[in-house]
Amino acid sequence: NREKHNYISCDFGIRYQENPAHFLEDISPLDKRQQDYILGLPWPNQLVYHILDSRMREIILLLFEKRNYHGTCYFIDTSEKILF
């Protein structure tokens, strides 16, 4: 699938608004570059969808391995949906 047709759900804005300290702890497994990317985006206080590019794939996989991510991945070209 082409990256621009793959999306991952992100609730980072919701989680940050609910408990900033806990959210920062949740993203602590990420390296500084990855943390800076997540913290540098203006996540609204609602579920949003981010293009599943290589950077976001790395971030989501690391968070998922540490049980700090739950969400949905959508592959538009194949009409597939994967729940994490």
PDB file of N, CA and C in Angstrom:
ATOM      1  N   ASN A   1       0.834  -1.203   0.000  1.00  0.00           N
ATOM      2  CA  ASN A   1       0.000   0.000   0.000  1.00  0.00           C
ATOM      3  C   ASN A   1       0.866   1.249   0.000  1.00  0.00           C
ATOM      4  N   ARG A   2       0.411   2.229  -0.680  1.00  0.00           N
ATOM      5  CA  ARG A   2       1.116   3.513  -0.657  1.00  0.00           C
ATOM      6  C   ARG A   2       0.827   4.205   0.671  1.00  0.00           C
ATOM      7  N   GLU A   3       1.869   4.812   1.237  1.00  0.00           N
ATOM      8  CA  GLU A   3       1.741   5.430   2.559  1.00  0.00           C
ATOM      9  C   GLU A   3       0.601   6.426   2.649  1.00  0.00           C
ATOM     10  N   LYS A   4       0.386   7.203   1.609  1.00  0.00           N
ATOM     11  CA  LYS A   4      -0.618   8.258   1.719  1.00  0.00           C
ATOM     12  C   LYS A   4      -2.034   7.713   1.804  1.00  0.00           C
ATOM     13  N   HIS A   5      -2.208   6.415   1.619  1.00  0.00           N
ATOM     14  CA  HIS A   5      -3.525   5.799   1.739  1.00  0.00           C
ATOM     15  C   HIS A   5      -3.644   4.921   2.982  1.00  0.00           C
ATOM     16  N   ASN A   6      -2.685   5.018   3.888  1.00  0.00           N
ATOM     17  CA  ASN A   6      -2.701   4.251   5.128  1.00  0.00           C
ATOM     18  C   ASN A   6      -2.759   5.225   6.298  1.00  0.00           C
ATOM     19  N   TYR A   7      -3.653   4.952   7.233  1.00  0.00           N
ATOM     20  CA  TYR A   7      -3.856   5.863   8.359  1.00  0.00           C
ATOM     21  C   TYR A   7      -3.876   5.096   9.669  1.00  0.00           C
ATOM     22  N   ILE A   8      -3.446   5.767  10.719  1.00  0.00           N
ATOM     23  CA  ILE A   8      -3.462   5.191  12.064  1.00  0.00           C
ATOM     24  C   ILE A   8      -4.210   6.152  12.983  1.00  0.00           C
ATOM     25  N   SER A   9      -5.074   5.596  13.824  1.00  0.00           N
ATOM     26  CA  SER A   9      -5.806   6.454  14.761  1.00  0.00           C
ATOM     27  C   SER A   9      -4.874   6.879  15.895  1.00  0.00           C
ATOM     28  N   CYS A  10      -5.045   8.111  16.336  1.00  0.00           N
ATOM     29  CA  CYS A  10      -4.205   8.663  17.405  1.00  0.00           C
ATOM     30  C   CYS A  10      -5.085   9.418  18.393  1.00  0.00           C
ATOM     31  N   ASP A  11      -4.954   9.057  19.648  1.00  0.00           N
ATOM     32  CA  ASP A  11      -5.700   9.749  20.703  1.00  0.00           C
ATOM     33  C   ASP A  11      -4.749  10.526  21.615  1.00  0.00           C
ATOM     34  N   PHE A  12      -3.613  10.915  21.070  1.00  0.00           N
ATOM     35  CA  PHE A  12      -2.587  11.583  21.874  1.00  0.00           C
ATOM     36  C   PHE A  12      -3.098  12.863  22.523  1.00  0.00           C
ATOM     37  N   GLY A  13      -3.881  13.643  21.811  1.00  0.00           N
ATOM     38  CA  GLY A  13      -4.420  14.883  22.378  1.00  0.00           C
ATOM     39  C   GLY A  13      -5.341  14.618  23.552  1.00  0.00           C
ATOM     40  N   ILE A  14      -6.188  13.618  23.431  1.00  0.00           N
ATOM     41  CA  ILE A  14      -7.103  13.239  24.516  1.00  0.00           C
ATOM     42  C   ILE A  14      -6.303  12.799  25.730  1.00  0.00           C
ATOM     43  N   ARG A  15      -5.343  11.912  25.499  1.00  0.00           N
ATOM     44  CA  ARG A  15      -4.550  11.371  26.607  1.00  0.00           C
ATOM     45  C   ARG A  15      -3.727  12.457  27.291  1.00  0.00           C
ATOM     46  N   TYR A  16      -3.175  13.377  26.499  1.00  0.00           N
ATOM     47  CA  TYR A  16      -2.389  14.461  27.085  1.00  0.00           C
ATOM     48  C   TYR A  16      -3.277  15.375  27.924  1.00  0.00           C
ATOM     49  N   GLN A  17      -4.457  15.721  27.422  1.00  0.00           N
ATOM     50  CA  GLN A  17      -5.377  16.594  28.161  1.00  0.00           C
ATOM     51  C   GLN A  17      -5.841  15.946  29.462  1.00  0.00           C
ATOM     52  N   GLU A  18      -6.080  14.633  29.428  1.00  0.00           N
ATOM     53  CA  GLU A  18      -6.559  13.931  30.624  1.00  0.00           C
ATOM     54  C   GLU A  18      -5.500  13.870  31.720  1.00  0.00           C
ATOM     55  N   ASN A  19      -4.240  13.599  31.329  1.00  0.00           N
ATOM     56  CA  ASN A  19      -3.195  13.431  32.332  1.00  0.00           C
ATOM     57  C   ASN A  19      -1.824  13.629  31.663  1.00  0.00           C
ATOM     58  N   PRO A  20      -1.349  14.873  31.608  1.00  0.00           N
ATOM     59  CA  PRO A  20      -0.079  15.141  30.919  1.00  0.00           C
ATOM     60  C   PRO A  20       1.094  14.304  31.437  1.00  0.00           C
ATOM     61  N   ALA A  21       1.216  14.160  32.743  1.00  0.00           N
ATOM     62  CA  ALA A  21       2.343  13.408  33.305  1.00  0.00           C
ATOM     63  C   ALA A  21       2.291  11.941  32.881  1.00  0.00           C
ATOM     64  N   HIS A  22       1.116  11.359  32.907  1.00  0.00           N
ATOM     65  CA  HIS A  22       0.964   9.956  32.502  1.00  0.00           C
ATOM     66  C   HIS A  22       1.259   9.796  31.012  1.00  0.00           C
ATOM     67  N   PHE A  23       0.802  10.740  30.196  1.00  0.00           N
ATOM     68  CA  PHE A  23       1.074  10.675  28.762  1.00  0.00           C
ATOM     69  C   PHE A  23       2.575  10.749  28.499  1.00  0.00           C
ATOM     70  N   LEU A  24       3.269  11.654  29.178  1.00  0.00           N
ATOM     71  CA  LEU A  24       4.716  11.773  28.991  1.00  0.00           C
ATOM     72  C   LEU A  24       5.424  10.487  29.411  1.00  0.00           C
ATOM     73  N   GLU A  25       4.927   9.852  30.449  1.00  0.00           N
ATOM     74  CA  GLU A  25       5.474   8.557  30.866  1.00  0.00           C
ATOM     75  C   GLU A  25       5.220   7.505  29.782  1.00  0.00           C
ATOM     76  N   ASP A  26       4.027   7.524  29.198  1.00  0.00           N
ATOM     77  CA  ASP A  26       3.679   6.559  28.147  1.00  0.00           C
ATOM     78  C   ASP A  26       4.580   6.678  26.923  1.00  0.00           C
ATOM     79  N   ILE A  27       4.997   7.890  26.584  1.00  0.00           N
ATOM     80  CA  ILE A  27       5.842   8.048  25.394  1.00  0.00           C
ATOM     81  C   ILE A  27       7.339   8.007  25.733  1.00  0.00           C
ATOM     82  N   SER A  28       7.685   7.757  26.987  1.00  0.00           N
ATOM     83  CA  SER A  28       9.094   7.723  27.389  1.00  0.00           C
ATOM     84  C   SER A  28       9.921   6.639  26.682  1.00  0.00           C
ATOM     85  N   PRO A  29       9.333   5.519  26.209  1.00  0.00           N
ATOM     86  CA  PRO A  29      10.149   4.554  25.459  1.00  0.00           C
ATOM     87  C   PRO A  29      10.653   5.089  24.109  1.00  0.00           C
ATOM     88  N   LEU A  30      10.064   6.150  23.620  1.00  0.00           N
ATOM     89  CA  LEU A  30      10.482   6.727  22.346  1.00  0.00           C
ATOM     90  C   LEU A  30      11.791   7.482  22.511  1.00  0.00           C
ATOM     91  N   ASP A  31      12.579   7.542  21.442  1.00  0.00           N
ATOM     92  CA  ASP A  31      13.800   8.345  21.519  1.00  0.00           C
ATOM     93  C   ASP A  31      13.429   9.833  21.430  1.00  0.00           C
ATOM     94  N   LYS A  32      14.414  10.693  21.640  1.00  0.00           N
ATOM     95  CA  LYS A  32      14.140  12.134  21.698  1.00  0.00           C
ATOM     96  C   LYS A  32      13.514  12.652  20.406  1.00  0.00           C
ATOM     97  N   ARG A  33      14.016  12.203  19.274  1.00  0.00           N
ATOM     98  CA  ARG A  33      13.480  12.640  17.977  1.00  0.00           C
ATOM     99  C   ARG A  33      12.003  12.271  17.856  1.00  0.00           C
ATOM    100  N   GLN A  34      11.655  11.062  18.267  1.00  0.00           N
ATOM    101  CA  GLN A  34      10.264  10.607  18.189  1.00  0.00           C
ATOM    102  C   GLN A  34       9.382  11.363  19.178  1.00  0.00           C
ATOM    103  N   GLN A  35       9.882  11.561  20.391  1.00  0.00           N
ATOM    104  CA  GLN A  35       9.116  12.325  21.381  1.00  0.00           C
ATOM    105  C   GLN A  35       8.899  13.756  20.900  1.00  0.00           C
ATOM    106  N   ASP A  36       9.945  14.368  20.363  1.00  0.00           N
ATOM    107  CA  ASP A  36       9.821  15.739  19.857  1.00  0.00           C
ATOM    108  C   ASP A  36       8.767  15.821  18.758  1.00  0.00           C
ATOM    109  N   TYR A  37       8.714  14.810  17.909  1.00  0.00           N
ATOM    110  CA  TYR A  37       7.722  14.805  16.833  1.00  0.00           C
ATOM    111  C   TYR A  37       6.312  14.760  17.416  1.00  0.00           C
ATOM    112  N   ILE A  38       6.075  13.830  18.328  1.00  0.00           N
ATOM    113  CA  ILE A  38       4.744  13.693  18.936  1.00  0.00           C
ATOM    114  C   ILE A  38       4.371  14.961  19.698  1.00  0.00           C
ATOM    115  N   LEU A  39       5.280  15.471  20.502  1.00  0.00           N
ATOM    116  CA  LEU A  39       4.975  16.648  21.315  1.00  0.00           C
ATOM    117  C   LEU A  39       4.904  17.933  20.490  1.00  0.00           C
ATOM    118  N   GLY A  40       5.467  17.918  19.296  1.00  0.00           N
ATOM    119  CA  GLY A  40       5.466  19.110  18.458  1.00  0.00           C
ATOM    120  C   GLY A  40       4.233  19.280  17.589  1.00  0.00           C
ATOM    121  N   LEU A  41       3.393  18.262  17.527  1.00  0.00           N
ATOM    122  CA  LEU A  41       2.175  18.364  16.716  1.00  0.00           C
ATOM    123  C   LEU A  41       1.014  18.885  17.560  1.00  0.00           C
ATOM    124  N   PRO A  42       0.137  19.674  16.971  1.00  0.00           N
ATOM    125  CA  PRO A  42      -0.997  20.244  17.724  1.00  0.00           C
ATOM    126  C   PRO A  42      -2.169  19.263  17.801  1.00  0.00           C
ATOM    127  N   TRP A  43      -2.016  18.200  18.598  1.00  0.00           N
ATOM    128  CA  TRP A  43      -3.059  17.178  18.705  1.00  0.00           C
ATOM    129  C   TRP A  43      -4.299  17.773  19.351  1.00  0.00           C
ATOM    130  N   PRO A  44      -5.448  17.699  18.695  1.00  0.00           N
ATOM    131  CA  PRO A  44      -6.684  18.192  19.318  1.00  0.00           C
ATOM    132  C   PRO A  44      -7.169  17.203  20.370  1.00  0.00           C
ATOM    133  N   ASN A  45      -8.078  17.641  21.177  1.00  0.00           N
ATOM    134  CA  ASN A  45      -8.634  16.798  22.235  1.00  0.00           C
ATOM    135  C   ASN A  45      -9.736  15.903  21.649  1.00  0.00           C
ATOM    136  N   GLN A  46      -9.359  15.126  20.648  1.00  0.00           N
ATOM    137  CA  GLN A  46     -10.284  14.186  20.002  1.00  0.00           C
ATOM    138  C   GLN A  46      -9.463  13.164  19.220  1.00  0.00           C
ATOM    139  N   LEU A  47     -10.081  12.080  18.834  1.00  0.00           N
ATOM    140  CA  LEU A  47      -9.422  11.063  18.035  1.00  0.00           C
ATOM    141  C   LEU A  47      -9.151  11.629  16.641  1.00  0.00           C
ATOM    142  N   VAL A  48      -7.921  11.466  16.172  1.00  0.00           N
ATOM    143  CA  VAL A  48      -7.547  11.922  14.833  1.00  0.00           C
ATOM    144  C   VAL A  48      -6.831  10.785  14.110  1.00  0.00           C
ATOM    145  N   TYR A  49      -6.599  10.986  12.836  1.00  0.00           N
ATOM    146  CA  TYR A  49      -5.933   9.978  12.013  1.00  0.00           C
ATOM    147  C   TYR A  49      -4.694  10.591  11.381  1.00  0.00           C
ATOM    148  N   HIS A  50      -3.582   9.892  11.525  1.00  0.00           N
ATOM    149  CA  HIS A  50      -2.292  10.341  11.005  1.00  0.00           C
ATOM    150  C   HIS A  50      -1.902   9.403   9.870  1.00  0.00           C
ATOM    151  N   ILE A  51      -1.304   9.939   8.816  1.00  0.00           N
ATOM    152  CA  ILE A  51      -0.791   9.080   7.749  1.00  0.00           C
ATOM    153  C   ILE A  51       0.229   8.121   8.355  1.00  0.00           C
ATOM    154  N   LEU A  52       0.108   6.860   8.010  1.00  0.00           N
ATOM    155  CA  LEU A  52       1.007   5.840   8.547  1.00  0.00           C
ATOM    156  C   LEU A  52       2.283   5.791   7.704  1.00  0.00           C
ATOM    157  N   ASP A  53       3.114   6.812   7.891  1.00  0.00           N
ATOM    158  CA  ASP A  53       4.396   6.866   7.196  1.00  0.00           C
ATOM    159  C   ASP A  53       5.441   6.125   8.031  1.00  0.00           C
ATOM    160  N   SER A  54       6.662   6.078   7.549  1.00  0.00           N
ATOM    161  CA  SER A  54       7.691   5.296   8.246  1.00  0.00           C
ATOM    162  C   SER A  54       7.952   5.820   9.657  1.00  0.00           C
ATOM    163  N   ARG A  55       7.925   7.124   9.850  1.00  0.00           N
ATOM    164  CA  ARG A  55       8.153   7.688  11.180  1.00  0.00           C
ATOM    165  C   ARG A  55       7.052   7.253  12.148  1.00  0.00           C
ATOM    166  N   MET A  56       5.798   7.372  11.713  1.00  0.00           N
ATOM    167  CA  MET A  56       4.699   7.009  12.605  1.00  0.00           C
ATOM    168  C   MET A  56       4.652   5.494  12.829  1.00  0.00           C
ATOM    169  N   ARG A  57       5.050   4.715  11.830  1.00  0.00           N
ATOM    170  CA  ARG A  57       5.113   3.259  12.004  1.00  0.00           C
ATOM    171  C   ARG A  57       6.082   2.905  13.124  1.00  0.00           C
ATOM    172  N   GLU A  58       7.265   3.521  13.109  1.00  0.00           N
ATOM    173  CA  GLU A  58       8.257   3.284  14.166  1.00  0.00           C
ATOM    174  C   GLU A  58       7.689   3.646  15.533  1.00  0.00           C
ATOM    175  N   ILE A  59       7.065   4.798  15.624  1.00  0.00           N
ATOM    176  CA  ILE A  59       6.516   5.287  16.888  1.00  0.00           C
ATOM    177  C   ILE A  59       5.428   4.356  17.403  1.00  0.00           C
ATOM    178  N   ILE A  60       4.476   4.018  16.551  1.00  0.00           N
ATOM    179  CA  ILE A  60       3.356   3.174  16.971  1.00  0.00           C
ATOM    180  C   ILE A  60       3.841   1.792  17.376  1.00  0.00           C
ATOM    181  N   LEU A  61       4.776   1.215  16.621  1.00  0.00           N
ATOM    182  CA  LEU A  61       5.281  -0.112  16.974  1.00  0.00           C
ATOM    183  C   LEU A  61       5.962  -0.109  18.336  1.00  0.00           C
ATOM    184  N   LEU A  62       6.774   0.912  18.607  1.00  0.00           N
ATOM    185  CA  LEU A  62       7.424   0.996  19.919  1.00  0.00           C
ATOM    186  C   LEU A  62       6.402   1.146  21.041  1.00  0.00           C
ATOM    187  N   LEU A  63       5.422   2.016  20.841  1.00  0.00           N
ATOM    188  CA  LEU A  63       4.403   2.210  21.872  1.00  0.00           C
ATOM    189  C   LEU A  63       3.564   0.952  22.055  1.00  0.00           C
ATOM    190  N   PHE A  64       3.235   0.279  20.967  1.00  0.00           N
ATOM    191  CA  PHE A  64       2.447  -0.950  21.047  1.00  0.00           C
ATOM    192  C   PHE A  64       3.217  -2.037  21.796  1.00  0.00           C
ATOM    193  N   GLU A  65       4.503  -2.174  21.524  1.00  0.00           N
ATOM    194  CA  GLU A  65       5.332  -3.161  22.219  1.00  0.00           C
ATOM    195  C   GLU A  65       5.330  -2.930  23.722  1.00  0.00           C
ATOM    196  N   LYS A  66       5.256  -1.673  24.136  1.00  0.00           N
ATOM    197  CA  LYS A  66       5.250  -1.328  25.567  1.00  0.00           C
ATOM    198  C   LYS A  66       3.830  -1.233  26.128  1.00  0.00           C
ATOM    199  N   ARG A  67       2.845  -1.630  25.324  1.00  0.00           N
ATOM    200  CA  ARG A  67       1.425  -1.589  25.710  1.00  0.00           C
ATOM    201  C   ARG A  67       0.930  -0.167  25.965  1.00  0.00           C
ATOM    202  N   ASN A  68       1.505   0.785  25.241  1.00  0.00           N
ATOM    203  CA  ASN A  68       1.122   2.189  25.389  1.00  0.00           C
ATOM    204  C   ASN A  68       0.386   2.721  24.166  1.00  0.00           C
ATOM    205  N   TYR A  69      -0.072   1.808  23.315  1.00  0.00           N
ATOM    206  CA  TYR A  69      -0.867   2.231  22.160  1.00  0.00           C
ATOM    207  C   TYR A  69      -1.977   1.225  21.902  1.00  0.00           C
ATOM    208  N   HIS A  70      -3.160   1.746  21.697  1.00  0.00           N
ATOM    209  CA  HIS A  70      -4.311   0.967  21.239  1.00  0.00           C
ATOM    210  C   HIS A  70      -4.995   1.835  20.197  1.00  0.00           C
ATOM    211  N   GLY A  71      -5.318   1.251  19.076  1.00  0.00           N
ATOM    212  CA  GLY A  71      -5.958   2.043  18.034  1.00  0.00           C
ATOM    213  C   GLY A  71      -6.292   1.205  16.823  1.00  0.00           C
ATOM    214  N   THR A  72      -6.493   1.887  15.710  1.00  0.00           N
ATOM    215  CA  THR A  72      -6.912   1.236  14.476  1.00  0.00           C
ATOM    216  C   THR A  72      -6.059   1.726  13.321  1.00  0.00           C
ATOM    217  N   CYS A  73      -5.671   0.802  12.476  1.00  0.00           N
ATOM    218  CA  CYS A  73      -4.932   1.113  11.267  1.00  0.00           C
ATOM    219  C   CYS A  73      -5.848   0.848  10.080  1.00  0.00           C
ATOM    220  N   TYR A  74      -5.923   1.802   9.177  1.00  0.00           N
ATOM    221  CA  TYR A  74      -6.772   1.691   7.988  1.00  0.00           C
ATOM    222  C   TYR A  74      -5.908   1.686   6.731  1.00  0.00           C
ATOM    223  N   PHE A  75      -6.152   0.703   5.860  1.00  0.00           N
ATOM    224  CA  PHE A  75      -5.504   0.612   4.557  1.00  0.00           C
ATOM    225  C   PHE A  75      -6.586   0.860   3.514  1.00  0.00           C
ATOM    226  N   ILE A  76      -6.630   2.063   3.005  1.00  0.00           N
ATOM    227  CA  ILE A  76      -7.712   2.494   2.121  1.00  0.00           C
ATOM    228  C   ILE A  76      -7.739   1.689   0.819  1.00  0.00           C
ATOM    229  N   ASP A  77      -6.577   1.458   0.209  1.00  0.00           N
ATOM    230  CA  ASP A  77      -6.534   0.773  -1.087  1.00  0.00           C
ATOM    231  C   ASP A  77      -7.123  -0.633  -1.036  1.00  0.00           C
ATOM    232  N   THR A  78      -6.936  -1.317   0.089  1.00  0.00           N
ATOM    233  CA  THR A  78      -7.415  -2.701   0.196  1.00  0.00           C
ATOM    234  C   THR A  78      -8.644  -2.825   1.082  1.00  0.00           C
ATOM    235  N   SER A  79      -9.128  -1.722   1.600  1.00  0.00           N
ATOM    236  CA  SER A  79     -10.297  -1.699   2.497  1.00  0.00           C
ATOM    237  C   SER A  79     -10.089  -2.566   3.737  1.00  0.00           C
ATOM    238  N   GLU A  80      -8.842  -2.632   4.205  1.00  0.00           N
ATOM    239  CA  GLU A  80      -8.539  -3.407   5.407  1.00  0.00           C
ATOM    240  C   GLU A  80      -8.481  -2.488   6.620  1.00  0.00           C
ATOM    241  N   LYS A  81      -8.830  -3.074   7.766  1.00  0.00           N
ATOM    242  CA  LYS A  81      -8.788  -2.362   9.040  1.00  0.00           C
ATOM    243  C   LYS A  81      -8.196  -3.322  10.058  1.00  0.00           C
ATOM    244  N   ILE A  82      -7.200  -2.863  10.803  1.00  0.00           N
ATOM    245  CA  ILE A  82      -6.563  -3.689  11.824  1.00  0.00           C
ATOM    246  C   ILE A  82      -6.685  -2.973  13.154  1.00  0.00           C
ATOM    247  N   LEU A  83      -7.214  -3.680  14.148  1.00  0.00           N
ATOM    248  CA  LEU A  83      -7.339  -3.134  15.501  1.00  0.00           C
ATOM    249  C   LEU A  83      -6.148  -3.576  16.331  1.00  0.00           C
ATOM    250  N   PHE A  84      -5.550  -2.638  17.070  1.00  0.00           N
ATOM    251  CA  PHE A  84      -4.440  -2.942  17.978  1.00  0.00           C
ATOM    252  C   PHE A  84      -4.939  -2.861  19.396  1.00  0.00           C
TER     253      PHE A  84
END
